[in-house]
Protein backbone atom coordinates (compact mmCIF):
# COMPACT_ATOMS: atom_id res chain seq x y z
CA MET A 1 12.98 10.17 0.52
CA HIS A 2 10.75 8.69 -2.50
CA GLU A 3 7.52 9.29 -0.63
CA TYR A 4 6.94 12.50 -1.21
CA SER A 5 7.19 11.58 -5.01
CA ILE A 6 5.12 8.50 -4.39
CA VAL A 7 2.89 10.56 -2.46
CA GLN A 8 2.32 13.58 -5.05
CA SER A 9 1.11 10.63 -7.34
CA LEU A 10 -1.22 9.38 -5.60
CA LEU A 11 -2.93 12.40 -4.76
CA ASP A 12 -2.76 12.96 -8.79
CA SER A 13 -4.41 10.00 -8.91
CA CYS A 14 -6.94 10.55 -6.01
CA GLU A 15 -8.40 13.36 -8.11
CA GLU A 16 -8.24 12.01 -11.29
CA ASN A 17 -10.52 8.96 -9.90
CA ALA A 18 -12.50 11.36 -8.42
CA LYS A 19 -13.22 13.91 -10.93
CA GLU A 20 -14.25 10.93 -13.29
CA ASN A 21 -16.32 10.02 -10.73
CA ASN A 22 -18.35 13.66 -11.37
CA SER A 23 -17.09 14.47 -6.78
CA GLU A 24 -16.29 17.57 -5.66
CA LYS A 25 -14.16 16.24 -2.33
CA ILE A 26 -12.03 13.21 -1.14
CA ALA A 27 -13.61 11.43 1.80
CA LYS A 28 -11.19 8.72 2.90
CA VAL A 29 -7.86 7.20 0.93
CA VAL A 30 -6.87 3.89 2.03
CA VAL A 31 -3.40 2.26 1.09
CA LYS A 32 -2.35 -1.43 1.46
CA ILE A 33 1.91 -0.82 1.50
CA GLY A 34 3.96 -4.02 1.69
CA VAL A 35 6.73 -5.43 3.92
CA MET A 36 8.84 -5.25 1.45
CA SER A 37 7.33 -2.30 -0.80
CA GLY A 38 10.98 0.12 0.29
CA VAL A 39 7.49 2.94 1.40
CA GLU A 40 8.20 3.53 5.39
CA PRO A 41 4.38 4.30 6.48
CA ASP A 42 5.37 6.52 9.13
CA LEU A 43 7.31 8.85 6.95
CA LEU A 44 4.43 8.09 3.52
CA LYS A 45 1.93 9.84 6.59
CA THR A 46 3.78 12.36 6.64
CA ALA A 47 4.29 13.89 3.15
CA PHE A 48 0.50 12.80 2.76
CA ASP A 49 -0.42 15.13 5.46
CA THR A 50 1.91 17.61 4.64
CA PHE A 51 0.88 17.52 0.83
CA LYS A 52 -3.06 17.04 1.01
CA GLU A 53 -3.70 20.92 1.55
CA GLY A 54 -5.32 22.96 -0.99
CA THR A 55 -6.52 19.52 -3.17
CA MET A 56 -9.99 17.12 -2.79
CA CYS A 57 -8.17 15.13 0.16
CA GLU A 58 -7.61 18.53 2.51
CA ASP A 59 -10.16 17.35 5.59
CA CYS A 60 -9.59 12.68 4.07
CA GLU A 61 -9.09 9.83 6.33
CA PHE A 62 -6.00 7.93 5.22
CA VAL A 63 -5.62 4.75 6.43
CA ILE A 64 -2.22 2.28 5.56
CA ASN A 65 -3.03 -0.67 5.58
CA ILE A 66 0.28 -3.08 6.04
CA GLN A 67 0.51 -5.89 3.90
CA PRO A 68 3.24 -9.01 5.26
CA ILE A 69 5.24 -11.34 3.10
CA LEU A 70 2.73 -14.10 1.24
CA VAL A 71 4.27 -16.22 -0.03
CA LEU A 72 3.62 -19.71 -1.77
CA CYS A 73 5.69 -22.85 -1.88
CA ARG A 74 6.91 -24.46 -5.45
CA SER A 75 8.04 -27.50 -3.17
CA CYS A 76 4.65 -28.55 -1.30
CA ASN A 77 2.28 -26.05 -2.64
CA THR A 78 1.25 -24.28 0.27
CA LYS A 79 0.76 -20.91 1.14
CA SER A 80 2.46 -19.02 4.17
CA THR A 81 2.79 -15.74 5.75
CA LEU A 82 6.57 -14.93 6.91
CA SER A 83 6.77 -12.72 9.70
CA LYS A 84 9.84 -12.40 9.41
CA ASN A 85 12.77 -11.87 6.14
CA GLU A 86 13.68 -15.30 6.56
CA TYR A 87 12.62 -16.82 3.26
CA GLU A 88 12.03 -20.72 3.78
CA CYS A 89 8.40 -22.19 3.91
CA PRO A 90 7.34 -22.97 7.14
CA LYS A 91 5.96 -26.37 6.77
CA CYS A 92 8.40 -28.27 4.86
CA LYS A 93 11.29 -25.48 5.07
CA SER A 94 11.86 -25.37 1.66
CA VAL A 95 13.93 -21.90 -0.25
CA GLU A 96 11.51 -22.53 -3.71
CA LEU A 97 8.84 -19.57 -2.77
CA ASP A 98 7.34 -17.05 -4.94
CA VAL A 99 6.38 -14.20 -3.31
CA LEU A 100 2.61 -13.60 -3.53
CA ASP A 101 2.03 -10.40 -2.20
CA GLY A 102 4.17 -7.69 0.44
CA GLU A 103 6.18 -6.27 -1.89
CA ASP A 104 3.89 -3.33 -3.69
CA MET A 105 1.72 -0.67 -2.29
CA TYR A 106 -1.84 0.04 -3.82
CA LEU A 107 -4.21 2.58 -3.77
CA MET A 108 -6.97 -0.29 -2.12
CA GLN A 109 -9.91 2.41 -1.73
CA LEU A 110 -11.10 6.05 -1.86
CA GLU A 111 -14.56 7.79 -0.25
CA LEU A 112 -15.89 10.13 -2.82
CA VAL A 113 -17.98 12.98 -1.49
């Protein structure tokens, strides 16, 4: 499971940010996971809960926001959110799409104490 290595990197990043801001504890971590990121939210949550023990995140709240696929149609210049994995513009039915969001995972917010 690559979620374990993702969580380790996330915890390292959280602790680095906390230390840079002279904080001793992290109260909340918010991440955004794109539906096409390849990251399984339930496995990520389990891995986070397992590996946070003994870190600055030990008692923190872990929030996962799921990002749907956001595309821009090159034919009609419409931004759309796709509900399925059908890469077709809902307005003009073109397949000439640029993916704007929904493929990555981001650390969105840290609440430091």
